[in-house]
């Protein structure tokens, strides 16, 4: 009789990728996708090996929990538990799948925690890229600001040259850049922070040492030392020389990988160099054979800014960070751009 009724049941139309209502079974005998409540119910029973205790542990009624486990077994076409009147045991398949279920639910928990952090500003990871001619002089201020004002922000700093930073930004490896602008890169939005002047760093016995009114035209004939190719500061120095009327270029007989080496070369009498004002206090103090001179008004300068991907999801957060950073930078010898 039961067999006869079974054969006479009308077939439900199959849906290509959907489970059948109420059973979770997919068409063509394929296992259906389990729901998160089913996985939680299954894992609770797997851990407690008792339906009543499992239901209490996840605040679910025992009938609902039993139904969720049965639906999962029907959906997968696998018996997960061996049930007797006295005990509940995991089947061999249930033991293997319980491990997977725990990983799935842990991953979902991590996902929700990350989403919660994303909803709150200044939380989670911020990957900040900084150029080498800025990092040593501004990072103390940046790190102090983050520590005091944004304690839940996980700041990760990457010091790289401009071209590498821009690649990292466009590829999503970095979130925000601190560098000299303009960079002229499509899809990048700049948030100006400040302008800073360049000073001339010379040996102590140089004729321009200590002067406060050096004409830019003096750069036409000076033995100027430069950073290696790839540093934006090198390009800025060459631009300043061209604007001063230097037409023969700068003969490169000696160059340096960083500003610290560059000023040591100056102290050794190999030439002079241009140094951004934020770097002077640190770098010019490395030798008692160094002196600085200021250019006549208007002096050559550069602009430092934050840069982000245009339309970045955290744009409002980055703009607020820029406002706070401007206030923190007022103690430095710069002109804040608001």
Protein backbone atom coordinates (compact mmCIF):
# COMPACT_ATOMS: atom_id res chain seq x y z
CA UNK A 1 0.00 0.00 0.00
CA UNK A 2 2.77 2.38 0.92
CA UNK A 3 4.59 1.52 -2.29
CA UNK A 4 1.48 2.20 -4.34
CA UNK A 5 0.98 5.62 -2.76
CA UNK A 6 4.65 6.45 -3.34
CA UNK A 7 4.39 5.71 -7.06
CA UNK A 8 1.22 7.76 -7.43
CA UNK A 9 2.76 10.98 -5.93
CA UNK A 10 2.90 13.69 -8.58
CA UNK A 11 6.42 14.80 -9.45
CA UNK A 12 7.38 18.40 -8.64
CA UNK A 13 8.96 20.42 -11.41
CA UNK A 14 12.72 20.51 -10.95
CA UNK A 15 14.60 23.78 -10.68
CA UNK A 16 18.05 23.96 -12.22
CA UNK A 17 20.04 25.14 -9.18
CA UNK A 18 17.50 25.49 -6.40
CA UNK A 19 16.60 23.13 -3.63
CA UNK A 20 13.10 21.77 -3.36
CA UNK A 21 11.01 23.68 -0.84
CA UNK A 22 11.09 22.26 2.66
CA UNK A 23 13.67 19.54 1.98
CA UNK A 24 16.77 21.36 0.79
CA UNK A 25 17.22 18.65 -1.85
CA UNK A 26 18.64 19.75 -5.16
CA UNK A 27 17.46 18.39 -8.55
CA UNK A 28 18.93 15.36 -10.27
CA UNK A 29 19.97 13.81 -6.96
CA UNK A 30 22.65 16.44 -6.28
CA UNK A 31 23.16 17.42 -2.61
CA UNK A 32 21.55 20.72 -1.65
CA UNK A 33 23.45 23.54 -0.03
CA UNK A 34 23.19 23.52 3.76
CA UNK A 35 22.05 26.62 5.58
CA UNK A 36 24.00 28.20 8.43
CA UNK A 37 21.30 27.25 11.00
CA UNK A 38 21.57 23.64 9.84
CA UNK A 39 25.36 23.68 10.22
CA UNK A 40 25.09 25.24 13.70
CA UNK A 41 22.57 22.61 14.76
CA UNK A 42 24.70 19.78 13.36
CA UNK A 43 27.86 21.06 15.04
CA UNK A 44 26.11 21.56 18.37
CA UNK A 45 24.92 17.95 18.38
CA UNK A 46 28.35 16.78 17.24
CA UNK A 47 29.98 18.56 20.17
CA UNK A 48 27.45 17.58 22.86
CA UNK A 49 26.25 14.20 21.47
CA UNK A 50 22.92 15.01 23.07
CA UNK A 51 20.02 16.76 21.37
CA UNK A 52 18.61 18.47 24.44
CA UNK A 53 22.00 19.78 25.58
CA UNK A 54 22.84 20.88 22.04
CA UNK A 55 19.56 22.76 21.72
CA UNK A 56 20.17 24.57 25.00
CA UNK A 57 23.72 25.48 23.96
CA UNK A 58 22.60 27.34 20.83
CA UNK A 59 19.27 28.62 22.23
CA UNK A 60 17.13 26.57 19.88
CA UNK A 61 14.14 24.44 20.71
CA UNK A 62 14.82 20.72 20.60
CA UNK A 63 12.22 20.03 17.87
CA UNK A 64 13.70 22.81 15.71
CA UNK A 65 17.21 21.48 16.21
CA UNK A 66 16.14 17.90 15.39
CA UNK A 67 14.38 19.15 12.29
CA UNK A 68 17.43 21.13 11.17
CA UNK A 69 19.72 18.10 11.55
CA UNK A 70 17.27 15.83 9.72
CA UNK A 71 16.89 18.37 6.93
CA UNK A 72 20.68 18.57 6.58
CA UNK A 73 20.95 14.79 6.38
CA UNK A 74 18.20 14.67 3.77
CA UNK A 75 19.81 17.49 1.80
CA UNK A 76 23.24 15.86 1.76
CA UNK A 77 21.98 12.31 1.38
CA UNK A 78 24.27 11.28 4.27
CA UNK A 79 23.56 9.92 7.74
CA UNK A 80 25.46 12.16 10.15
CA UNK A 81 24.50 10.49 13.43
CA UNK A 82 23.75 7.02 14.74
CA UNK A 83 20.78 7.41 17.09
CA UNK A 84 19.65 4.94 19.72
CA UNK A 85 17.32 5.33 22.66
CA UNK A 86 20.32 5.75 24.94
CA UNK A 87 22.93 7.68 23.02
CA UNK A 88 23.87 9.69 19.94
CA UNK A 89 27.10 8.96 18.04
CA UNK A 90 28.69 10.60 15.04
CA UNK A 91 28.82 8.46 11.93
CA UNK A 92 32.18 8.24 10.12
CA UNK A 93 30.90 10.78 7.58
CA UNK A 94 29.61 12.97 10.41
CA UNK A 95 33.05 13.01 12.06
CA UNK A 96 34.69 14.26 8.86
CA UNK A 97 32.02 16.83 8.12
CA UNK A 98 31.96 18.17 11.68
CA UNK A 99 35.54 19.36 11.19
CA UNK A 100 34.53 21.13 7.98
CA UNK A 101 31.45 22.63 9.59
CA UNK A 102 33.57 24.15 12.35
CA UNK A 103 35.85 25.77 9.77
CA UNK A 104 32.88 27.14 7.85
CA UNK A 105 31.26 28.65 10.94
CA UNK A 106 34.58 30.08 12.16
CA UNK A 107 35.10 31.69 8.74
CA UNK A 108 31.59 33.15 8.84
CA UNK A 109 32.32 34.54 12.30
CA UNK A 110 35.54 36.15 11.04
CA UNK A 111 33.64 37.55 8.07
CA UNK A 112 31.04 39.17 10.32
CA UNK A 113 33.70 40.60 12.63
CA UNK A 114 35.47 42.15 9.65
CA UNK A 115 32.17 43.59 8.38
CA UNK A 116 31.50 45.06 11.80
CA UNK A 117 34.96 46.64 11.80
CA UNK A 118 34.41 48.02 8.31
CA UNK A 119 31.24 49.79 9.45
CA UNK A 120 33.20 51.58 12.18
CA UNK A 121 35.66 54.25 10.97
CA UNK A 122 39.33 54.07 11.91
CA UNK A 123 39.28 50.38 12.71
CA UNK A 124 40.81 47.43 10.92
CA UNK A 125 43.90 47.61 8.73
CA UNK A 126 45.21 50.76 7.03
CA UNK A 127 48.12 50.07 4.67
CA UNK A 128 50.02 53.34 4.33
CA UNK A 129 52.73 53.82 1.71
CA UNK A 130 55.37 56.52 2.28
CA UNK A 131 58.25 57.76 0.12
CA UNK A 132 61.78 57.58 1.61
CA UNK A 133 62.28 61.37 1.57
CA UNK A 134 59.20 61.79 3.79
CA UNK A 135 59.10 58.70 6.01
CA UNK A 136 61.88 59.49 8.53
CA UNK A 137 60.66 63.05 9.11
CA UNK A 138 56.86 62.74 9.15
CA UNK A 139 56.28 59.22 10.46
CA UNK A 140 56.91 60.17 14.11
CA UNK A 141 54.00 62.62 13.84
CA UNK A 142 51.81 60.14 11.95
CA UNK A 143 52.46 57.30 14.38
CA UNK A 144 51.82 59.50 17.41
CA UNK A 145 48.53 60.70 15.89
CA UNK A 146 47.36 57.14 15.20
CA UNK A 147 48.39 55.94 18.66
CA UNK A 148 46.67 58.80 20.49
CA UNK A 149 43.59 59.37 18.32
CA UNK A 150 42.89 56.10 16.49
CA UNK A 151 43.93 53.29 18.87
CA UNK A 152 41.76 50.71 17.07
CA UNK A 153 43.42 51.36 13.71
CA UNK A 154 45.93 48.72 12.61
CA UNK A 155 48.43 50.91 10.75
CA UNK A 156 50.85 49.08 8.46
CA UNK A 157 53.61 51.21 6.92
CA UNK A 158 55.41 50.49 3.64
CA UNK A 159 58.37 52.69 2.59
CA UNK A 160 58.83 52.57 -1.18
CA UNK A 161 59.61 54.86 -4.11
CA UNK A 162 56.78 56.73 -5.80
CA UNK A 163 56.34 54.42 -8.79
CA UNK A 164 56.11 51.36 -6.57
CA UNK A 165 53.65 53.08 -4.24
CA UNK A 166 51.37 54.05 -7.12
CA UNK A 167 51.41 50.49 -8.44
CA UNK A 168 50.52 49.23 -4.97
CA UNK A 169 47.67 51.71 -4.68
CA UNK A 170 46.09 50.92 -8.05
CA UNK A 171 46.47 47.16 -7.51
CA UNK A 172 44.88 47.31 -4.05
CA UNK A 173 48.03 46.34 -2.14
CA UNK A 174 48.06 49.76 -0.42
CA UNK A 175 45.18 51.92 0.81
CA UNK A 176 46.69 55.37 1.24
CA UNK A 177 49.93 57.10 0.22
CA UNK A 178 51.97 59.91 1.77
CA UNK A 179 54.13 61.44 -0.94
CA UNK A 180 55.10 64.48 -3.00
CA UNK A 181 52.56 65.61 -5.59
CA UNK A 182 51.40 66.00 -8.28
CA UNK A 183 51.85 62.41 -9.36
CA UNK A 184 49.78 62.69 -12.53
CA UNK A 185 48.37 59.18 -12.21
CA UNK A 186 44.85 58.44 -13.52
CA UNK A 187 42.36 57.24 -10.95
CA UNK A 188 44.28 58.77 -8.04
CA UNK A 189 42.86 61.56 -5.85
CA UNK A 190 45.28 63.81 -3.95
CA UNK A 191 44.49 65.40 -0.58
CA UNK A 192 47.03 68.21 -0.03
CA UNK A 193 48.62 68.51 3.41
CA UNK A 194 51.38 71.13 3.25
CA UNK A 195 54.04 72.92 1.20
CA UNK A 196 57.66 72.96 2.33
CA UNK A 197 60.65 74.95 1.08
CA UNK A 198 63.94 73.56 -0.17
CA UNK A 199 67.16 74.69 1.49
CA UNK A 200 70.63 74.57 0.04
CA UNK A 201 72.97 72.32 2.04
CA UNK A 202 76.66 73.20 1.62
CA UNK A 203 80.01 72.56 3.29
CA UNK A 204 80.67 75.03 6.12
CA UNK A 205 83.32 76.88 4.12
CA UNK A 206 81.17 77.31 1.00
CA UNK A 207 80.54 80.86 -0.18
CA UNK A 208 76.75 80.37 0.11
CA UNK A 209 76.83 78.81 3.58
CA UNK A 210 74.41 80.51 5.96
CA UNK A 211 73.01 82.98 3.45
CA UNK A 212 69.29 83.83 3.64
CA UNK A 213 68.84 85.36 0.18
CA UNK A 214 70.38 82.91 -2.27
CA UNK A 215 69.12 83.65 -5.80
CA UNK A 216 67.80 80.64 -7.69
CA UNK A 217 70.13 81.54 -10.51
CA UNK A 218 72.99 80.37 -8.30
CA UNK A 219 71.91 76.81 -9.13
CA UNK A 220 73.09 77.28 -12.72
CA UNK A 221 76.75 76.72 -11.85
CA UNK A 222 76.81 74.73 -8.59
CA UNK A 223 78.15 71.18 -8.29
CA UNK A 224 74.81 69.67 -7.31
CA UNK A 225 74.60 66.20 -5.78
CA UNK A 226 71.49 64.14 -6.45
CA UNK A 227 69.71 61.02 -5.24
CA UNK A 228 69.68 57.94 -7.45
CA UNK A 229 67.26 57.71 -10.34
CA UNK A 230 63.74 56.71 -9.29
CA UNK A 231 63.55 59.13 -6.35
CA UNK A 232 61.00 61.89 -6.90
CA UNK A 233 63.27 64.30 -5.02
CA UNK A 234 65.89 63.89 -7.75
CA UNK A 235 63.32 64.89 -10.38
CA UNK A 236 62.21 67.86 -8.26
CA UNK A 237 65.80 69.07 -7.92
CA UNK A 238 66.33 68.83 -11.68
CA UNK A 239 63.09 70.75 -12.31
CA UNK A 240 64.25 73.51 -9.94
CA UNK A 241 67.55 73.74 -11.82
CA UNK A 242 65.78 74.02 -15.16
CA UNK A 243 63.50 76.74 -13.78
CA UNK A 244 66.64 78.56 -12.58
CA UNK A 245 67.91 78.57 -16.16
CA UNK A 246 70.37 75.70 -16.01
CA UNK A 247 70.56 74.38 -19.54
CA UNK A 248 73.53 72.03 -19.39
CA UNK A 249 71.94 69.58 -16.99
CA UNK A 250 73.55 68.21 -13.85
CA UNK A 251 76.61 66.01 -14.43
CA UNK A 252 76.10 62.87 -12.38
CA UNK A 253 79.49 61.74 -11.13
CA UNK A 254 78.24 60.84 -7.64
CA UNK A 255 74.75 59.97 -6.37
CA UNK A 256 73.20 58.54 -3.21
CA UNK A 257 70.44 56.10 -2.33
CA UNK A 258 69.19 58.20 0.60
CA UNK A 259 69.37 61.66 2.10
CA UNK A 260 71.63 60.56 4.94
CA UNK A 261 74.33 59.51 2.48
CA UNK A 262 73.72 62.58 0.36
CA UNK A 263 74.50 65.05 3.15
CA UNK A 264 77.58 63.06 4.12
CA UNK A 265 78.85 63.54 0.58
CA UNK A 266 78.21 67.26 0.94
CA UNK A 267 80.07 67.31 4.25
CA UNK A 268 82.98 65.62 2.51
CA UNK A 269 83.26 68.51 0.07
CA UNK A 270 81.96 66.73 -3.04
CA UNK A 271 79.29 69.34 -3.79
CA UNK A 272 76.03 70.84 -2.54
CA UNK A 273 72.46 69.55 -2.52
CA UNK A 274 68.83 70.57 -2.07
CA UNK A 275 67.07 69.34 1.04
CA UNK A 276 63.37 69.69 1.99
CA UNK A 277 63.00 71.72 5.16
CA UNK A 278 61.39 68.87 7.16
CA UNK A 279 64.59 66.85 6.66
CA UNK A 280 67.06 69.58 7.59
CA UNK A 281 66.95 69.24 11.38
CA UNK A 282 67.66 65.51 11.19
CA UNK A 283 70.07 65.33 8.27
CA UNK A 284 72.06 68.56 8.63
CA UNK A 285 72.88 67.63 12.23
CA UNK A 286 74.77 64.52 11.12
CA UNK A 287 77.99 66.47 10.56
CA UNK A 288 79.53 69.65 11.96
CA UNK A 289 80.90 70.33 8.49
CA UNK A 290 77.46 71.10 7.05
CA UNK A 291 75.72 74.44 6.67
CA UNK A 292 72.39 75.50 5.18
CA UNK A 293 71.30 78.48 3.16
CA UNK A 294 67.84 79.84 2.33
CA UNK A 295 66.69 80.95 -1.10
CA UNK A 296 65.30 84.40 -1.78
CA UNK A 297 61.51 84.71 -1.89
CA UNK A 298 59.79 82.85 -3.43
CA UNK A 299 61.90 79.81 -2.57
CA UNK A 300 61.61 76.52 -4.45
CA UNK A 301 59.21 74.17 -2.68
CA UNK A 302 57.33 70.90 -2.92
CA UNK A 303 53.84 69.83 -1.87
CA UNK A 304 53.17 66.77 0.29
CA UNK A 305 49.77 65.09 0.17
CA UNK A 306 47.84 61.96 0.89
CA UNK A 307 46.77 60.03 -2.19
CA UNK A 308 43.97 57.48 -2.51
CA UNK A 309 42.11 55.67 -5.25
CA UNK A 310 39.44 57.92 -6.72
CA UNK A 311 36.07 56.91 -5.27
CA UNK A 312 37.68 54.82 -2.52
CA UNK A 313 35.17 53.26 -0.13
CA UNK A 314 37.00 54.90 2.80
CA UNK A 315 37.25 58.35 1.19
CA UNK A 316 35.42 60.13 4.00
CA UNK A 317 37.63 58.42 6.58
CA UNK A 318 40.80 59.39 4.67
CA UNK A 319 39.69 63.02 4.37
CA UNK A 320 39.04 63.15 8.12
CA UNK A 321 42.45 61.61 8.71
CA UNK A 322 44.00 64.32 6.51
CA UNK A 323 42.33 67.04 8.62
CA UNK A 324 43.70 65.54 11.82
CA UNK A 325 47.16 65.13 10.27
CA UNK A 326 47.25 68.77 9.18
CA UNK A 327 46.64 69.85 12.77
CA UNK A 328 49.34 67.51 14.02
CA UNK A 329 51.85 68.86 11.48
CA UNK A 330 51.52 72.52 12.45
CA UNK A 331 54.56 72.21 14.72
CA UNK A 332 56.79 71.42 11.70
CA UNK A 333 58.42 74.10 9.50
CA UNK A 334 55.79 73.80 6.76
CA UNK A 335 52.88 75.79 5.31
CA UNK A 336 49.66 73.87 5.91
CA UNK A 337 47.33 73.62 2.89
CA UNK A 338 43.72 73.57 4.03
